[in-house]
Full PDB file with SEQRES, HELIX, SHEET, SSBOND, CRYST1, ORIGX, SCALE, CONECT and MASTER records, all heavy atoms in Angstrom:
SEQRES   1 A   36  ILE ARG TRP ASN SER LYS SER THR LYS GLY LEU TYR GLU          
SEQRES   2 A   36  SER HIS PHE ILE LYS VAL ASN LEU PRO GLU GLU LYS VAL          
SEQRES   3 A   36  ALA PHE TRP TRP LYS PHE THR ILE LEU GLN                      
SHEET    1 AA1 2 TYR A  12  LEU A  21  0                                        
SHEET    2 AA1 2 VAL A  26  LEU A  35 -1                                        
CRYST1    1.000    1.000    1.000  90.00  90.00  90.00 P 1           1          
ORIGX1      1.000000  0.000000  0.000000        0.00000                         
ORIGX2      0.000000  1.000000  0.000000        0.00000                         
ORIGX3      0.000000  0.000000  1.000000        0.00000                         
SCALE1      1.000000  0.000000  0.000000        0.00000                         
SCALE2      0.000000  1.000000  0.000000        0.00000                         
SCALE3      0.000000  0.000000  1.000000        0.00000                         
ATOM      1  N   ILE A   1       3.865  14.307  -3.320  1.00  0.00           N  
ATOM      2  CA  ILE A   1       3.348  13.320  -4.273  1.00  0.00           C  
ATOM      3  C   ILE A   1       2.512  13.990  -5.363  1.00  0.00           C  
ATOM      4  O   ILE A   1       1.625  14.799  -5.084  1.00  0.00           O  
ATOM      5  CB  ILE A   1       2.532  12.275  -3.535  1.00  0.00           C  
ATOM      6  CG1 ILE A   1       3.477  11.411  -2.623  1.00  0.00           C  
ATOM      7  CG2 ILE A   1       1.775  11.378  -4.503  1.00  0.00           C  
ATOM      8  CD1 ILE A   1       2.770  10.372  -1.794  1.00  0.00           C  
ATOM      9  N   ARG A   2       2.886  13.747  -6.599  1.00  0.00           N  
ATOM     10  CA  ARG A   2       2.156  14.332  -7.745  1.00  0.00           C  
ATOM     11  C   ARG A   2       0.901  13.553  -8.096  1.00  0.00           C  
ATOM     12  O   ARG A   2      -0.013  14.092  -8.730  1.00  0.00           O  
ATOM     13  CB  ARG A   2       3.116  14.341  -8.956  1.00  0.00           C  
ATOM     14  CG  ARG A   2       3.935  15.604  -9.125  1.00  0.00           C  
ATOM     15  CD  ARG A   2       4.792  15.981  -8.017  1.00  0.00           C  
ATOM     16  NE  ARG A   2       5.605  17.098  -8.315  1.00  0.00           N  
ATOM     17  CZ  ARG A   2       6.529  17.634  -7.514  1.00  0.00           C  
ATOM     18  NH1 ARG A   2       6.701  17.102  -6.304  1.00  0.00           N  
ATOM     19  NH2 ARG A   2       7.224  18.696  -7.842  1.00  0.00           N  
ATOM     20  N   TRP A   3       0.847  12.277  -7.759  1.00  0.00           N  
ATOM     21  CA  TRP A   3      -0.281  11.453  -8.094  1.00  0.00           C  
ATOM     22  C   TRP A   3      -1.541  11.954  -7.410  1.00  0.00           C  
ATOM     23  O   TRP A   3      -1.532  12.416  -6.255  1.00  0.00           O  
ATOM     24  CB  TRP A   3      -0.007   9.994  -7.653  1.00  0.00           C  
ATOM     25  CG  TRP A   3      -1.200   9.120  -7.771  1.00  0.00           C  
ATOM     26  CD1 TRP A   3      -1.644   8.436  -8.873  1.00  0.00           C  
ATOM     27  CD2 TRP A   3      -2.098   8.744  -6.723  1.00  0.00           C  
ATOM     28  NE1 TRP A   3      -2.769   7.702  -8.580  1.00  0.00           N  
ATOM     29  CE2 TRP A   3      -3.062   7.901  -7.282  1.00  0.00           C  
ATOM     30  CE3 TRP A   3      -2.216   9.103  -5.337  1.00  0.00           C  
ATOM     31  CZ2 TRP A   3      -4.113   7.341  -6.528  1.00  0.00           C  
ATOM     32  CZ3 TRP A   3      -3.240   8.556  -4.593  1.00  0.00           C  
ATOM     33  CH2 TRP A   3      -4.193   7.667  -5.191  1.00  0.00           C  
ATOM     34  N   ASN A   4      -2.657  11.847  -8.154  1.00  0.00           N  
ATOM     35  CA  ASN A   4      -3.970  12.216  -7.627  1.00  0.00           C  
ATOM     36  C   ASN A   4      -4.971  11.258  -8.200  1.00  0.00           C  
ATOM     37  O   ASN A   4      -5.100  11.095  -9.398  1.00  0.00           O  
ATOM     38  CB  ASN A   4      -4.323  13.653  -8.001  1.00  0.00           C  
ATOM     39  CG  ASN A   4      -5.649  14.138  -7.428  1.00  0.00           C  
ATOM     40  OD1 ASN A   4      -6.650  13.454  -7.542  1.00  0.00           O  
ATOM     41  ND2 ASN A   4      -5.606  15.269  -6.717  1.00  0.00           N  
ATOM     42  N   SER A   5      -5.698  10.588  -7.328  1.00  0.00           N  
ATOM     43  CA  SER A   5      -6.570   9.505  -7.802  1.00  0.00           C  
ATOM     44  C   SER A   5      -7.693   9.992  -8.705  1.00  0.00           C  
ATOM     45  O   SER A   5      -8.241   9.230  -9.518  1.00  0.00           O  
ATOM     46  CB  SER A   5      -7.240   8.807  -6.564  1.00  0.00           C  
ATOM     47  OG  SER A   5      -7.998   9.742  -5.808  1.00  0.00           O  
ATOM     48  N   LYS A   6      -8.026  11.306  -8.625  1.00  0.00           N  
ATOM     49  CA  LYS A   6      -9.187  11.805  -9.384  1.00  0.00           C  
ATOM     50  C   LYS A   6      -8.784  12.343 -10.749  1.00  0.00           C  
ATOM     51  O   LYS A   6      -9.544  12.359 -11.687  1.00  0.00           O  
ATOM     52  CB  LYS A   6      -9.879  12.876  -8.592  1.00  0.00           C  
ATOM     53  CG  LYS A   6     -10.520  12.396  -7.306  1.00  0.00           C  
ATOM     54  CD  LYS A   6     -11.219  13.519  -6.580  1.00  0.00           C  
ATOM     55  CE  LYS A   6     -11.876  13.026  -5.301  1.00  0.00           C  
ATOM     56  NZ  LYS A   6     -12.567  14.129  -4.574  1.00  0.00           N  
ATOM     57  N   SER A   7      -7.514  12.802 -10.878  1.00  0.00           N  
ATOM     58  CA  SER A   7      -7.184  13.491 -12.080  1.00  0.00           C  
ATOM     59  C   SER A   7      -5.950  12.929 -12.815  1.00  0.00           C  
ATOM     60  O   SER A   7      -5.663  13.314 -13.951  1.00  0.00           O  
ATOM     61  CB  SER A   7      -6.844  14.971 -11.761  1.00  0.00           C  
ATOM     62  OG  SER A   7      -5.763  15.080 -10.833  1.00  0.00           O  
ATOM     63  N   THR A   8      -5.205  12.065 -12.232  1.00  0.00           N  
ATOM     64  CA  THR A   8      -4.022  11.570 -12.812  1.00  0.00           C  
ATOM     65  C   THR A   8      -4.168  10.129 -13.320  1.00  0.00           C  
ATOM     66  O   THR A   8      -4.371   9.221 -12.537  1.00  0.00           O  
ATOM     67  CB  THR A   8      -2.842  11.599 -11.790  1.00  0.00           C  
ATOM     68  OG1 THR A   8      -2.789  12.909 -11.241  1.00  0.00           O  
ATOM     69  CG2 THR A   8      -1.521  11.294 -12.473  1.00  0.00           C  
ATOM     70  N   LYS A   9      -4.067   9.925 -14.623  1.00  0.00           N  
ATOM     71  CA  LYS A   9      -4.158   8.621 -15.249  1.00  0.00           C  
ATOM     72  C   LYS A   9      -2.908   8.388 -16.102  1.00  0.00           C  
ATOM     73  O   LYS A   9      -2.379   9.275 -16.719  1.00  0.00           O  
ATOM     74  CB  LYS A   9      -5.413   8.477 -16.138  1.00  0.00           C  
ATOM     75  CG  LYS A   9      -6.674   8.722 -15.381  1.00  0.00           C  
ATOM     76  CD  LYS A   9      -6.920   7.655 -14.311  1.00  0.00           C  
ATOM     77  CE  LYS A   9      -8.231   7.895 -13.599  1.00  0.00           C  
ATOM     78  NZ  LYS A   9      -8.464   6.894 -12.461  1.00  0.00           N  
ATOM     79  N   GLY A  10      -2.445   7.122 -16.063  1.00  0.00           N  
ATOM     80  CA  GLY A  10      -1.256   6.794 -16.793  1.00  0.00           C  
ATOM     81  C   GLY A  10      -0.003   7.483 -16.209  1.00  0.00           C  
ATOM     82  O   GLY A  10       0.669   8.282 -16.861  1.00  0.00           O  
ATOM     83  N   LEU A  11       0.313   7.133 -14.950  1.00  0.00           N  
ATOM     84  CA  LEU A  11       1.443   7.761 -14.248  1.00  0.00           C  
ATOM     85  C   LEU A  11       2.156   6.751 -13.398  1.00  0.00           C  
ATOM     86  O   LEU A  11       1.561   5.830 -12.858  1.00  0.00           O  
ATOM     87  CB  LEU A  11       0.897   8.881 -13.326  1.00  0.00           C  
ATOM     88  CG  LEU A  11       1.937   9.592 -12.472  1.00  0.00           C  
ATOM     89  CD1 LEU A  11       2.562  10.735 -13.298  1.00  0.00           C  
ATOM     90  CD2 LEU A  11       1.298  10.178 -11.207  1.00  0.00           C  
ATOM     91  N   TYR A  12       3.484   6.904 -13.309  1.00  0.00           N  
ATOM     92  CA  TYR A  12       4.248   6.211 -12.283  1.00  0.00           C  
ATOM     93  C   TYR A  12       4.886   7.267 -11.385  1.00  0.00           C  
ATOM     94  O   TYR A  12       5.185   8.384 -11.857  1.00  0.00           O  
ATOM     95  CB  TYR A  12       5.337   5.292 -12.885  1.00  0.00           C  
ATOM     96  CG  TYR A  12       6.495   6.083 -13.494  1.00  0.00           C  
ATOM     97  CD1 TYR A  12       7.575   6.456 -12.716  1.00  0.00           C  
ATOM     98  CD2 TYR A  12       6.468   6.487 -14.809  1.00  0.00           C  
ATOM     99  CE1 TYR A  12       8.625   7.204 -13.261  1.00  0.00           C  
ATOM    100  CE2 TYR A  12       7.509   7.215 -15.379  1.00  0.00           C  
ATOM    101  CZ  TYR A  12       8.559   7.576 -14.551  1.00  0.00           C  
ATOM    102  OH  TYR A  12       9.611   8.322 -15.095  1.00  0.00           O  
ATOM    103  N   GLU A  13       5.129   6.933 -10.167  1.00  0.00           N  
ATOM    104  CA  GLU A  13       5.812   7.871  -9.246  1.00  0.00           C  
ATOM    105  C   GLU A  13       6.572   7.089  -8.191  1.00  0.00           C  
ATOM    106  O   GLU A  13       6.003   6.104  -7.633  1.00  0.00           O  
ATOM    107  CB  GLU A  13       4.819   8.818  -8.556  1.00  0.00           C  
ATOM    108  CG  GLU A  13       5.496   9.825  -7.631  1.00  0.00           C  
ATOM    109  CD  GLU A  13       4.604  10.965  -7.262  1.00  0.00           C  
ATOM    110  OE1 GLU A  13       3.369  10.885  -7.494  1.00  0.00           O  
ATOM    111  OE2 GLU A  13       5.115  11.968  -6.680  1.00  0.00           O  
ATOM    112  N   SER A  14       7.845   7.423  -7.950  1.00  0.00           N  
ATOM    113  CA  SER A  14       8.625   6.673  -6.993  1.00  0.00           C  
ATOM    114  C   SER A  14       9.429   7.644  -6.090  1.00  0.00           C  
ATOM    115  O   SER A  14       9.944   8.665  -6.566  1.00  0.00           O  
ATOM    116  CB  SER A  14       9.647   5.754  -7.706  1.00  0.00           C  
ATOM    117  OG  SER A  14       8.968   4.761  -8.446  1.00  0.00           O  
ATOM    118  N   HIS A  15       9.461   7.288  -4.820  1.00  0.00           N  
ATOM    119  CA  HIS A  15      10.393   7.897  -3.849  1.00  0.00           C  
ATOM    120  C   HIS A  15      11.343   6.794  -3.455  1.00  0.00           C  
ATOM    121  O   HIS A  15      10.876   5.682  -3.082  1.00  0.00           O  
ATOM    122  CB  HIS A  15       9.679   8.430  -2.643  1.00  0.00           C  
ATOM    123  CG  HIS A  15       8.761   9.631  -2.902  1.00  0.00           C  
ATOM    124  ND1 HIS A  15       7.545   9.477  -3.508  1.00  0.00           N  
ATOM    125  CD2 HIS A  15       8.976  10.915  -2.666  1.00  0.00           C  
ATOM    126  CE1 HIS A  15       6.987  10.693  -3.617  1.00  0.00           C  
ATOM    127  NE2 HIS A  15       7.830  11.571  -3.126  1.00  0.00           N  
ATOM    128  N   PHE A  16      12.635   7.020  -3.525  1.00  0.00           N  
ATOM    129  CA  PHE A  16      13.579   5.955  -3.196  1.00  0.00           C  
ATOM    130  C   PHE A  16      14.679   6.474  -2.284  1.00  0.00           C  
ATOM    131  O   PHE A  16      14.970   7.668  -2.187  1.00  0.00           O  
ATOM    132  CB  PHE A  16      14.187   5.339  -4.467  1.00  0.00           C  
ATOM    133  CG  PHE A  16      14.896   6.284  -5.391  1.00  0.00           C  
ATOM    134  CD1 PHE A  16      16.257   6.463  -5.291  1.00  0.00           C  
ATOM    135  CD2 PHE A  16      14.174   7.069  -6.340  1.00  0.00           C  
ATOM    136  CE1 PHE A  16      16.939   7.369  -6.132  1.00  0.00           C  
ATOM    137  CE2 PHE A  16      14.859   7.961  -7.154  1.00  0.00           C  
ATOM    138  CZ  PHE A  16      16.218   8.106  -7.045  1.00  0.00           C  
ATOM    139  N   ILE A  17      15.306   5.528  -1.596  1.00  0.00           N  
ATOM    140  CA  ILE A  17      16.300   5.804  -0.574  1.00  0.00           C  
ATOM    141  C   ILE A  17      17.471   4.864  -0.807  1.00  0.00           C  
ATOM    142  O   ILE A  17      17.293   3.673  -1.078  1.00  0.00           O  
ATOM    143  CB  ILE A  17      15.793   5.601   0.841  1.00  0.00           C  
ATOM    144  CG1 ILE A  17      14.530   6.385   1.068  1.00  0.00           C  
ATOM    145  CG2 ILE A  17      16.814   5.886   1.890  1.00  0.00           C  
ATOM    146  CD1 ILE A  17      13.707   5.862   2.289  1.00  0.00           C  
ATOM    147  N   LYS A  18      18.705   5.383  -0.767  1.00  0.00           N  
ATOM    148  CA  LYS A  18      19.917   4.572  -0.866  1.00  0.00           C  
ATOM    149  C   LYS A  18      20.844   4.923   0.309  1.00  0.00           C  
ATOM    150  O   LYS A  18      21.067   6.066   0.614  1.00  0.00           O  
ATOM    151  CB  LYS A  18      20.663   4.829  -2.162  1.00  0.00           C  
ATOM    152  CG  LYS A  18      21.972   4.067  -2.273  1.00  0.00           C  
ATOM    153  CD  LYS A  18      22.751   4.548  -3.530  1.00  0.00           C  
ATOM    154  CE  LYS A  18      23.379   5.910  -3.271  1.00  0.00           C  
ATOM    155  NZ  LYS A  18      24.787   5.810  -2.790  1.00  0.00           N  
ATOM    156  N   VAL A  19      21.341   3.857   0.988  1.00  0.00           N  
ATOM    157  CA  VAL A  19      22.292   4.024   2.071  1.00  0.00           C  
ATOM    158  C   VAL A  19      23.442   3.032   1.904  1.00  0.00           C  
ATOM    159  O   VAL A  19      23.169   1.845   1.633  1.00  0.00           O  
ATOM    160  CB  VAL A  19      21.609   3.771   3.461  1.00  0.00           C  
ATOM    161  CG1 VAL A  19      22.594   4.095   4.591  1.00  0.00           C  
ATOM    162  CG2 VAL A  19      20.369   4.644   3.622  1.00  0.00           C  
ATOM    163  N   ASN A  20      24.677   3.527   2.061  1.00  0.00           N  
ATOM    164  CA  ASN A  20      25.844   2.677   2.010  1.00  0.00           C  
ATOM    165  C   ASN A  20      26.537   2.603   3.374  1.00  0.00           C  
ATOM    166  O   ASN A  20      26.597   3.587   4.080  1.00  0.00           O  
ATOM    167  CB  ASN A  20      26.862   3.228   1.004  1.00  0.00           C  
ATOM    168  CG  ASN A  20      26.382   3.192  -0.408  1.00  0.00           C  
ATOM    169  OD1 ASN A  20      25.633   4.080  -0.846  1.00  0.00           O  
ATOM    170  ND2 ASN A  20      26.788   2.144  -1.128  1.00  0.00           N  
ATOM    171  N   LEU A  21      27.029   1.383   3.727  1.00  0.00           N  
ATOM    172  CA  LEU A  21      27.859   1.158   4.892  1.00  0.00           C  
ATOM    173  C   LEU A  21      29.199   0.652   4.373  1.00  0.00           C  
ATOM    174  O   LEU A  21      29.422  -0.552   4.226  1.00  0.00           O  
ATOM    175  CB  LEU A  21      27.232   0.163   5.831  1.00  0.00           C  
ATOM    176  CG  LEU A  21      26.118   0.631   6.777  1.00  0.00           C  
ATOM    177  CD1 LEU A  21      24.895   1.076   6.009  1.00  0.00           C  
ATOM    178  CD2 LEU A  21      25.781  -0.430   7.787  1.00  0.00           C  
ATOM    179  N   PRO A  22      30.153   1.595   4.091  1.00  0.00           N  
ATOM    180  CA  PRO A  22      31.420   1.159   3.419  1.00  0.00           C  
ATOM    181  C   PRO A  22      32.236   0.180   4.276  1.00  0.00           C  
ATOM    182  O   PRO A  22      32.856  -0.739   3.717  1.00  0.00           O  
ATOM    183  CB  PRO A  22      32.152   2.501   3.251  1.00  0.00           C  
ATOM    184  CG  PRO A  22      31.114   3.530   3.287  1.00  0.00           C  
ATOM    185  CD  PRO A  22      30.048   3.047   4.218  1.00  0.00           C  
ATOM    186  N   GLU A  23      32.274   0.381   5.584  1.00  0.00           N  
ATOM    187  CA  GLU A  23      33.076  -0.535   6.406  1.00  0.00           C  
ATOM    188  C   GLU A  23      32.566  -1.960   6.356  1.00  0.00           C  
ATOM    189  O   GLU A  23      33.337  -2.923   6.319  1.00  0.00           O  
ATOM    190  CB  GLU A  23      33.173  -0.030   7.811  1.00  0.00           C  
ATOM    191  CG  GLU A  23      33.957   1.260   7.970  1.00  0.00           C  
ATOM    192  CD  GLU A  23      34.093   1.701   9.408  1.00  0.00           C  
ATOM    193  OE1 GLU A  23      33.621   1.008  10.288  1.00  0.00           O  
ATOM    194  OE2 GLU A  23      34.695   2.787   9.649  1.00  0.00           O  
ATOM    195  N   GLU A  24      31.224  -2.100   6.382  1.00  0.00           N  
ATOM    196  CA  GLU A  24      30.657  -3.454   6.308  1.00  0.00           C  
ATOM    197  C   GLU A  24      30.536  -3.943   4.859  1.00  0.00           C  
ATOM    198  O   GLU A  24      30.204  -5.091   4.639  1.00  0.00           O  
ATOM    199  CB  GLU A  24      29.247  -3.430   6.961  1.00  0.00           C  
ATOM    200  CG  GLU A  24      29.231  -3.258   8.448  1.00  0.00           C  
ATOM    201  CD  GLU A  24      29.261  -1.787   8.840  1.00  0.00           C  
ATOM    202  OE1 GLU A  24      29.491  -0.924   8.018  1.00  0.00           O  
ATOM    203  OE2 GLU A  24      28.922  -1.497  10.012  1.00  0.00           O  
ATOM    204  N   LYS A  25      30.746  -3.017   3.888  1.00  0.00           N  
ATOM    205  CA  LYS A  25      30.651  -3.331   2.479  1.00  0.00           C  
ATOM    206  C   LYS A  25      29.254  -3.847   2.136  1.00  0.00           C  
ATOM    207  O   LYS A  25      29.099  -4.836   1.401  1.00  0.00           O  
ATOM    208  CB  LYS A  25      31.727  -4.285   2.065  1.00  0.00           C  
ATOM    209  CG  LYS A  25      33.131  -3.685   2.192  1.00  0.00           C  
ATOM    210  CD  LYS A  25      34.197  -4.595   1.652  1.00  0.00           C  
ATOM    211  CE  LYS A  25      35.584  -3.930   1.782  1.00  0.00           C  
ATOM    212  NZ  LYS A  25      36.670  -4.797   1.262  1.00  0.00           N  
ATOM    213  N   VAL A  26      28.221  -3.152   2.681  1.00  0.00           N  
ATOM    214  CA  VAL A  26      26.873  -3.487   2.338  1.00  0.00           C  
ATOM    215  C   VAL A  26      26.126  -2.179   1.995  1.00  0.00           C  
ATOM    216  O   VAL A  26      26.595  -1.106   2.268  1.00  0.00           O  
ATOM    217  CB  VAL A  26      26.145  -4.242   3.509  1.00  0.00           C  
ATOM    218  CG1 VAL A  26      26.835  -5.477   3.867  1.00  0.00           C  
ATOM    219  CG2 VAL A  26      26.023  -3.309   4.705  1.00  0.00           C  
ATOM    220  N   ALA A  27      24.956  -2.363   1.345  1.00  0.00           N  
ATOM    221  CA  ALA A  27      24.142  -1.207   0.971  1.00  0.00           C  
ATOM    222  C   ALA A  27      22.676  -1.611   1.011  1.00  0.00           C  
ATOM    223  O   ALA A  27      22.350  -2.760   0.867  1.00  0.00           O  
ATOM    224  CB  ALA A  27      24.553  -0.704  -0.405  1.00  0.00           C  
ATOM    225  N   PHE A  28      21.828  -0.572   1.141  1.00  0.00           N  
ATOM    226  CA  PHE A  28      20.427  -0.786   1.218  1.00  0.00           C  
ATOM    227  C   PHE A  28      19.712   0.138   0.213  1.00  0.00           C  
ATOM    228  O   PHE A  28      20.178   1.262  -0.022  1.00  0.00           O  
ATOM    229  CB  PHE A  28      19.832  -0.492   2.644  1.00  0.00           C  
ATOM    230  CG  PHE A  28      20.522  -1.232   3.733  1.00  0.00           C  
ATOM    231  CD1 PHE A  28      21.628  -0.638   4.385  1.00  0.00           C  
ATOM    232  CD2 PHE A  28      20.129  -2.494   4.079  1.00  0.00           C  
ATOM    233  CE1 PHE A  28      22.240  -1.323   5.408  1.00  0.00           C  
ATOM    234  CE2 PHE A  28      20.745  -3.191   5.101  1.00  0.00           C  
ATOM    235  CZ  PHE A  28      21.827  -2.568   5.770  1.00  0.00           C  
ATOM    236  N   TRP A  29      18.580  -0.300  -0.288  1.00  0.00           N  
ATOM    237  CA  TRP A  29      17.829   0.518  -1.237  1.00  0.00           C  
ATOM    238  C   TRP A  29      16.351   0.234  -1.012  1.00  0.00           C  
ATOM    239  O   TRP A  29      15.927  -0.930  -0.948  1.00  0.00           O  
ATOM    240  CB  TRP A  29      18.225   0.193  -2.678  1.00  0.00           C  
ATOM    241  CG  TRP A  29      17.617   0.968  -3.763  1.00  0.00           C  
ATOM    242  CD1 TRP A  29      17.942   2.237  -4.150  1.00  0.00           C  
ATOM    243  CD2 TRP A  29      16.516   0.588  -4.636  1.00  0.00           C  
ATOM    244  NE1 TRP A  29      17.179   2.648  -5.192  1.00  0.00           N  
ATOM    245  CE2 TRP A  29      16.303   1.662  -5.500  1.00  0.00           C  
ATOM    246  CE3 TRP A  29      15.769  -0.553  -4.711  1.00  0.00           C  
ATOM    247  CZ2 TRP A  29      15.278   1.601  -6.488  1.00  0.00           C  
ATOM    248  CZ3 TRP A  29      14.773  -0.615  -5.705  1.00  0.00           C  
ATOM    249  CH2 TRP A  29      14.568   0.432  -6.584  1.00  0.00           C  
ATOM    250  N   TRP A  30      15.564   1.275  -0.889  1.00  0.00           N  
ATOM    251  CA  TRP A  30      14.096   1.188  -0.713  1.00  0.00           C  
ATOM    252  C   TRP A  30      13.413   1.989  -1.821  1.00  0.00           C  
ATOM    253  O   TRP A  30      13.942   3.014  -2.285  1.00  0.00           O  
ATOM    254  CB  TRP A  30      13.633   1.746   0.596  1.00  0.00           C  
ATOM    255  CG  TRP A  30      14.078   0.959   1.809  1.00  0.00           C  
ATOM    256  CD1 TRP A  30      13.428  -0.058   2.438  1.00  0.00           C  
ATOM    257  CD2 TRP A  30      15.278   1.147   2.590  1.00  0.00           C  
ATOM    258  NE1 TRP A  30      14.116  -0.489   3.535  1.00  0.00           N  
ATOM    259  CE2 TRP A  30      15.245   0.234   3.679  1.00  0.00           C  
ATOM    260  CE3 TRP A  30      16.328   2.036   2.453  1.00  0.00           C  
ATOM    261  CZ2 TRP A  30      16.280   0.160   4.579  1.00  0.00           C  
ATOM    262  CZ3 TRP A  30      17.402   1.937   3.411  1.00  0.00           C  
ATOM    263  CH2 TRP A  30      17.358   0.997   4.430  1.00  0.00           C  
ATOM    264  N   LYS A  31      12.191   1.597  -2.138  1.00  0.00           N  
ATOM    265  CA  LYS A  31      11.385   2.383  -3.098  1.00  0.00           C  
ATOM    266  C   LYS A  31       9.933   2.273  -2.756  1.00  0.00           C  
ATOM    267  O   LYS A  31       9.422   1.174  -2.570  1.00  0.00           O  
ATOM    268  CB  LYS A  31      11.608   1.907  -4.555  1.00  0.00           C  
ATOM    269  CG  LYS A  31      10.883   2.758  -5.591  1.00  0.00           C  
ATOM    270  CD  LYS A  31      11.314   2.380  -7.011  1.00  0.00           C  
ATOM    271  CE  LYS A  31      10.720   1.051  -7.417  1.00  0.00           C  
ATOM    272  NZ  LYS A  31      10.847   0.885  -8.926  1.00  0.00           N  
ATOM    273  N   PHE A  32       9.266   3.413  -2.612  1.00  0.00           N  
ATOM    274  CA  PHE A  32       7.785   3.458  -2.478  1.00  0.00           C  
ATOM    275  C   PHE A  32       7.266   3.937  -3.844  1.00  0.00           C  
ATOM    276  O   PHE A  32       7.597   5.074  -4.321  1.00  0.00           O  
ATOM    277  CB  PHE A  32       7.400   4.470  -1.388  1.00  0.00           C  
ATOM    278  CG  PHE A  32       7.591   3.944   0.010  1.00  0.00           C  
ATOM    279  CD1 PHE A  32       8.872   3.650   0.503  1.00  0.00           C  
ATOM    280  CD2 PHE A  32       6.511   3.786   0.850  1.00  0.00           C  
ATOM    281  CE1 PHE A  32       9.017   3.183   1.804  1.00  0.00           C  
ATOM    282  CE2 PHE A  32       6.631   3.298   2.103  1.00  0.00           C  
ATOM    283  CZ  PHE A  32       7.921   3.010   2.599  1.00  0.00           C  
ATOM    284  N   THR A  33       6.416   3.178  -4.482  1.00  0.00           N  
ATOM    285  CA  THR A  33       6.021   3.406  -5.860  1.00  0.00           C  
ATOM    286  C   THR A  33       4.464   3.434  -6.013  1.00  0.00           C  
ATOM    287  O   THR A  33       3.813   2.613  -5.391  1.00  0.00           O  
ATOM    288  CB  THR A  33       6.624   2.397  -6.811  1.00  0.00           C  
ATOM    289  OG1 THR A  33       8.008   2.523  -6.848  1.00  0.00           O  
ATOM    290  CG2 THR A  33       6.047   2.500  -8.209  1.00  0.00           C  
ATOM    291  N   ILE A  34       4.010   4.338  -6.849  1.00  0.00           N  
ATOM    292  CA  ILE A  34       2.603   4.376  -7.270  1.00  0.00           C  
ATOM    293  C   ILE A  34       2.569   4.059  -8.762  1.00  0.00           C  
ATOM    294  O   ILE A  34       3.240   4.729  -9.548  1.00  0.00           O  
ATOM    295  CB  ILE A  34       1.928   5.720  -6.992  1.00  0.00           C  
ATOM    296  CG1 ILE A  34       2.084   6.072  -5.501  1.00  0.00           C  
ATOM    297  CG2 ILE A  34       0.448   5.732  -7.417  1.00  0.00           C  
ATOM    298  CD1 ILE A  34       1.628   7.486  -5.191  1.00  0.00           C  
ATOM    299  N   LEU A  35       1.740   3.117  -9.182  1.00  0.00           N  
ATOM    300  CA  LEU A  35       1.515   2.831 -10.568  1.00  0.00           C  
ATOM    301  C   LEU A  35       0.044   3.046 -10.909  1.00  0.00           C  
ATOM    302  O   LEU A  35      -0.835   2.275 -10.423  1.00  0.00           O  
ATOM    303  CB  LEU A  35       1.929   1.372 -10.888  1.00  0.00           C  
ATOM    304  CG  LEU A  35       3.396   1.020 -10.591  1.00  0.00           C  
ATOM    305  CD1 LEU A  35       3.608  -0.482 -10.733  1.00  0.00           C  
ATOM    306  CD2 LEU A  35       4.317   1.798 -11.528  1.00  0.00           C  
ATOM    307  N   GLN A  36      -0.275   4.070 -11.681  1.00  0.00           N  
ATOM    308  CA  GLN A  36      -1.668   4.400 -11.978  1.00  0.00           C  
ATOM    309  C   GLN A  36      -1.901   4.145 -13.436  1.00  0.00           C  
ATOM    310  O   GLN A  36      -1.409   4.834 -14.345  1.00  0.00           O  
ATOM    311  CB  GLN A  36      -1.911   5.880 -11.721  1.00  0.00           C  
ATOM    312  CG  GLN A  36      -3.281   6.375 -12.124  1.00  0.00           C  
ATOM    313  CD  GLN A  36      -4.405   5.704 -11.348  1.00  0.00           C  
ATOM    314  OE1 GLN A  36      -4.526   5.917 -10.127  1.00  0.00           O  
ATOM    315  NE2 GLN A  36      -5.234   4.948 -12.035  1.00  0.00           N  
TER     316      GLN A  36                                                      
MASTER        0    0    0    0    2    0    0    6  315    1    0    3          
END                                                                             
């Protein structure tokens, strides 16, 4: 994580995950985000 509460102002940061299940024809997406 690049974000730092003491030194970083005006920042967004996201970690995201994508998974596909082709046989079921479904997909999932997650995102953990920091908005400073």
